[in-house]
Amino acid sequence: MARTIGIGALAALLMLAAAPARADFRICNNSSARVSVAIAYTNGSHWVSEGWWNIKTDHCETLLRGSLAAEYYYTYAMDERGGEWKGKAFMCTRDREFRIEGRENCFLRGYDRTGFFEVDTGKDARNWTVQLTDPNPAH
């Protein structure tokens, strides 16, 4: 039961947060199951991937605090039923809590290689919220 993020579906999942007092990168779980989430970003000199945040249904979690320093962030989520929100940007992960520098040679370094989806926050965004939702039922 994989959920692959397409260009149209990605646009429906992402929303700019309208909270002028906050400057964070957040993920909200609007799906019907608890999700585990990881994020990846560049700090200017190398890639960093971090996880896992466990987010209950109808809850949000701040993954990065402060003003956004980059235009692009990458995230991956999976629910307790085996569903995934994934993409084609591969980053290093592992089963338990992690903070990994670099995205190359994941397997050789003892990590898993996981496909994250891209989040384009725009050039001037100070904060951003990703909304994870269940896919629309087929008609």
C-alpha atoms as a PDB file:
ATOM      1  CA  MET A   1       0.000   0.000   0.000  1.00  0.00           C
ATOM      2  CA  ALA A   2       2.516   2.621  -1.133  1.00  0.00           C
ATOM      3  CA  ARG A   3       1.537   6.230  -1.566  1.00  0.00           C
ATOM      4  CA  THR A   4       3.769   7.835  -4.166  1.00  0.00           C
ATOM      5  CA  ILE A   5       3.756  11.606  -4.309  1.00  0.00           C
ATOM      6  CA  GLY A   6       3.121  12.895  -7.838  1.00  0.00           C
ATOM      7  CA  ILE A   7       3.395  16.533  -8.839  1.00  0.00           C
ATOM      8  CA  GLY A   8      -0.365  17.125  -8.607  1.00  0.00           C
ATOM      9  CA  ALA A   9      -0.725  15.141  -5.393  1.00  0.00           C
ATOM     10  CA  LEU A  10       2.244  16.907  -3.840  1.00  0.00           C
ATOM     11  CA  ALA A  11       0.656  20.291  -4.457  1.00  0.00           C
ATOM     12  CA  ALA A  12      -2.457  19.100  -2.652  1.00  0.00           C
ATOM     13  CA  LEU A  13      -0.436  17.866   0.331  1.00  0.00           C
ATOM     14  CA  LEU A  14       1.622  20.980   0.927  1.00  0.00           C
ATOM     15  CA  MET A  15       0.343  24.218   2.395  1.00  0.00           C
ATOM     16  CA  LEU A  16       2.145  27.357   3.480  1.00  0.00           C
ATOM     17  CA  ALA A  17       1.573  28.007   7.160  1.00  0.00           C
ATOM     18  CA  ALA A  18      -0.106  31.315   7.960  1.00  0.00           C
ATOM     19  CA  ALA A  19       1.400  31.794  11.396  1.00  0.00           C
ATOM     20  CA  PRO A  20       3.334  35.078  11.274  1.00  0.00           C
ATOM     21  CA  ALA A  21       4.713  34.737  14.804  1.00  0.00           C
ATOM     22  CA  ARG A  22       6.280  31.317  14.140  1.00  0.00           C
ATOM     23  CA  ALA A  23       9.186  30.375  11.929  1.00  0.00           C
ATOM     24  CA  ASP A  24       9.361  26.599  11.760  1.00  0.00           C
ATOM     25  CA  PHE A  25       9.101  23.579   9.460  1.00  0.00           C
ATOM     26  CA  ARG A  26       6.135  21.493  10.634  1.00  0.00           C
ATOM     27  CA  ILE A  27       4.287  18.383   9.549  1.00  0.00           C
ATOM     28  CA  CYS A  28       0.622  17.812  10.343  1.00  0.00           C
ATOM     29  CA  ASN A  29      -0.909  14.358  10.244  1.00  0.00           C
ATOM     30  CA  ASN A  30      -4.397  14.636   8.748  1.00  0.00           C
ATOM     31  CA  SER A  31      -4.463  10.964   7.797  1.00  0.00           C
ATOM     32  CA  SER A  32      -6.426   8.246   9.575  1.00  0.00           C
ATOM     33  CA  ALA A  33      -3.366   6.536  11.133  1.00  0.00           C
ATOM     34  CA  ARG A  34      -0.340   7.448  13.242  1.00  0.00           C
ATOM     35  CA  VAL A  35       2.720   8.293  11.102  1.00  0.00           C
ATOM     36  CA  SER A  36       6.472   8.246  11.564  1.00  0.00           C
ATOM     37  CA  VAL A  37       8.292  11.083   9.796  1.00  0.00           C
ATOM     38  CA  ALA A  38      11.868  11.880   8.746  1.00  0.00           C
ATOM     39  CA  ILE A  39      13.309  15.074   7.246  1.00  0.00           C
ATOM     40  CA  ALA A  40      16.403  15.839   5.180  1.00  0.00           C
ATOM     41  CA  TYR A  41      18.028  19.155   4.297  1.00  0.00           C
ATOM     42  CA  THR A  42      21.348  20.720   3.415  1.00  0.00           C
ATOM     43  CA  ASN A  43      23.057  22.909   5.970  1.00  0.00           C
ATOM     44  CA  GLY A  44      25.096  24.620   3.260  1.00  0.00           C
ATOM     45  CA  SER A  45      28.059  22.259   3.365  1.00  0.00           C
ATOM     46  CA  HIS A  46      26.524  18.770   3.585  1.00  0.00           C
ATOM     47  CA  TRP A  47      23.254  16.835   3.721  1.00  0.00           C
ATOM     48  CA  VAL A  48      21.612  15.904   7.013  1.00  0.00           C
ATOM     49  CA  SER A  49      18.738  13.451   7.497  1.00  0.00           C
ATOM     50  CA  GLU A  50      16.901  13.101  10.818  1.00  0.00           C
ATOM     51  CA  GLY A  51      14.077  10.943  12.166  1.00  0.00           C
ATOM     52  CA  TRP A  52      11.787   9.710  13.591  1.00  0.00           C
ATOM     53  CA  TRP A  53       8.923  11.865  14.792  1.00  0.00           C
ATOM     54  CA  ASN A  54       5.787   9.889  15.625  1.00  0.00           C
ATOM     55  CA  ILE A  55       2.687  11.971  14.976  1.00  0.00           C
ATOM     56  CA  LYS A  56      -0.818  10.983  16.039  1.00  0.00           C
ATOM     57  CA  THR A  57      -3.825  11.562  13.803  1.00  0.00           C
ATOM     58  CA  ASP A  58      -4.931  15.226  13.787  1.00  0.00           C
ATOM     59  CA  HIS A  59      -1.689  16.420  15.406  1.00  0.00           C
ATOM     60  CA  CYS A  60       1.280  18.466  14.177  1.00  0.00           C
ATOM     61  CA  GLU A  61       4.967  18.300  15.045  1.00  0.00           C
ATOM     62  CA  THR A  62       7.724  20.865  14.534  1.00  0.00           C
ATOM     63  CA  LEU A  63      10.694  19.187  12.850  1.00  0.00           C
ATOM     64  CA  LEU A  64      12.924  22.260  12.547  1.00  0.00           C
ATOM     65  CA  ARG A  65      12.664  25.375  14.709  1.00  0.00           C
ATOM     66  CA  GLY A  66      13.495  28.856  13.504  1.00  0.00           C
ATOM     67  CA  SER A  67      13.443  30.627  10.157  1.00  0.00           C
ATOM     68  CA  LEU A  68      13.943  28.376   7.163  1.00  0.00           C
ATOM     69  CA  ALA A  69      17.499  28.506   5.866  1.00  0.00           C
ATOM     70  CA  ALA A  70      16.927  26.660   2.571  1.00  0.00           C
ATOM     71  CA  GLU A  71      14.371  26.646  -0.225  1.00  0.00           C
ATOM     72  CA  TYR A  72      14.143  22.855  -0.523  1.00  0.00           C
ATOM     73  CA  TYR A  73      13.519  20.307   2.206  1.00  0.00           C
ATOM     74  CA  TYR A  74      12.839  16.601   1.845  1.00  0.00           C
ATOM     75  CA  THR A  75      10.577  14.399   3.904  1.00  0.00           C
ATOM     76  CA  TYR A  76       9.447  10.817   4.156  1.00  0.00           C
ATOM     77  CA  ALA A  77       6.557   9.389   6.180  1.00  0.00           C
ATOM     78  CA  MET A  78       5.098   5.962   6.782  1.00  0.00           C
ATOM     79  CA  ASP A  79       1.984   4.994   8.678  1.00  0.00           C
ATOM     80  CA  GLU A  80       1.389   2.104  11.037  1.00  0.00           C
ATOM     81  CA  ARG A  81      -0.523   0.260   8.301  1.00  0.00           C
ATOM     82  CA  GLY A  82       2.419   0.204   5.883  1.00  0.00           C
ATOM     83  CA  GLY A  83       1.415   3.230   3.783  1.00  0.00           C
ATOM     84  CA  GLU A  84       4.137   5.659   2.689  1.00  0.00           C
ATOM     85  CA  TRP A  85       4.558   9.227   1.506  1.00  0.00           C
ATOM     86  CA  LYS A  86       7.755   8.999  -0.510  1.00  0.00           C
ATOM     87  CA  GLY A  87       9.618  10.371  -3.491  1.00  0.00           C
ATOM     88  CA  LYS A  88      12.738  10.015  -5.611  1.00  0.00           C
ATOM     89  CA  ALA A  89      15.291  11.969  -3.544  1.00  0.00           C
ATOM     90  CA  PHE A  90      17.247   9.234  -1.762  1.00  0.00           C
ATOM     91  CA  MET A  91      18.604   9.866   1.725  1.00  0.00           C
ATOM     92  CA  CYS A  92      20.114   7.688   4.448  1.00  0.00           C
ATOM     93  CA  THR A  93      17.862   6.468   7.281  1.00  0.00           C
ATOM     94  CA  ARG A  94      17.717   3.711   9.857  1.00  0.00           C
ATOM     95  CA  ASP A  95      14.991   1.963  11.847  1.00  0.00           C
ATOM     96  CA  ARG A  96      15.576   3.773  15.131  1.00  0.00           C
ATOM     97  CA  GLU A  97      16.116   7.451  15.956  1.00  0.00           C
ATOM     98  CA  PHE A  98      18.836   8.965  13.765  1.00  0.00           C
ATOM     99  CA  ARG A  99      20.747  12.033  12.652  1.00  0.00           C
ATOM    100  CA  ILE A 100      22.935  11.164   9.668  1.00  0.00           C
ATOM    101  CA  GLU A 101      25.325  13.461   7.819  1.00  0.00           C
ATOM    102  CA  GLY A 102      25.694  12.810   4.097  1.00  0.00           C
ATOM    103  CA  ARG A 103      23.437  11.050   1.612  1.00  0.00           C
ATOM    104  CA  GLU A 104      26.017   9.012  -0.253  1.00  0.00           C
ATOM    105  CA  ASN A 105      26.916   5.335   0.212  1.00  0.00           C
ATOM    106  CA  CYS A 106      24.050   4.691   2.643  1.00  0.00           C
ATOM    107  CA  PHE A 107      24.339   0.898   2.476  1.00  0.00           C
ATOM    108  CA  LEU A 108      28.142   0.909   2.764  1.00  0.00           C
ATOM    109  CA  ARG A 109      27.856   3.070   5.893  1.00  0.00           C
ATOM    110  CA  GLY A 110      25.332   0.685   7.475  1.00  0.00           C
ATOM    111  CA  TYR A 111      22.159   2.696   6.789  1.00  0.00           C
ATOM    112  CA  ASP A 112      19.017   2.187   4.749  1.00  0.00           C
ATOM    113  CA  ARG A 113      18.405   4.200   1.547  1.00  0.00           C
ATOM    114  CA  THR A 114      14.952   5.803   1.540  1.00  0.00           C
ATOM    115  CA  GLY A 115      13.145   7.899  -1.110  1.00  0.00           C
ATOM    116  CA  PHE A 116      12.045  11.295   0.246  1.00  0.00           C
ATOM    117  CA  PHE A 117       9.718  13.737  -1.517  1.00  0.00           C
ATOM    118  CA  GLU A 118      10.793  17.301  -2.218  1.00  0.00           C
ATOM    119  CA  VAL A 119       9.182  20.263  -0.503  1.00  0.00           C
ATOM    120  CA  ASP A 120       9.769  23.577  -2.302  1.00  0.00           C
ATOM    121  CA  THR A 121       9.164  26.285   0.299  1.00  0.00           C
ATOM    122  CA  GLY A 122       9.940  29.161  -2.062  1.00  0.00           C
ATOM    123  CA  LYS A 123      12.762  31.643  -1.817  1.00  0.00           C
ATOM    124  CA  ASP A 124      11.320  33.867   0.899  1.00  0.00           C
ATOM    125  CA  ALA A 125       9.376  31.477   3.149  1.00  0.00           C
ATOM    126  CA  ARG A 126      10.122  31.772   6.847  1.00  0.00           C
ATOM    127  CA  ASN A 127       7.908  28.877   7.889  1.00  0.00           C
ATOM    128  CA  TRP A 128       6.177  25.952   6.214  1.00  0.00           C
ATOM    129  CA  THR A 129       3.721  23.222   7.108  1.00  0.00           C
ATOM    130  CA  VAL A 130       3.320  19.941   5.237  1.00  0.00           C
ATOM    131  CA  GLN A 131      -0.137  18.359   5.500  1.00  0.00           C
ATOM    132  CA  LEU A 132      -0.185  14.557   5.220  1.00  0.00           C
ATOM    133  CA  THR A 133      -3.576  13.276   4.102  1.00  0.00           C
ATOM    134  CA  ASP A 134      -5.073   9.954   3.086  1.00  0.00           C
ATOM    135  CA  PRO A 135      -5.300   9.509  -0.694  1.00  0.00           C
ATOM    136  CA  ASN A 136      -8.659  10.221  -2.288  1.00  0.00           C
ATOM    137  CA  PRO A 137     -10.723   7.045  -2.668  1.00  0.00           C
ATOM    138  CA  ALA A 138     -10.974   5.761  -6.254  1.00  0.00           C
ATOM    139  CA  HIS A 139     -14.321   6.303  -7.952  1.00  0.00           C
END
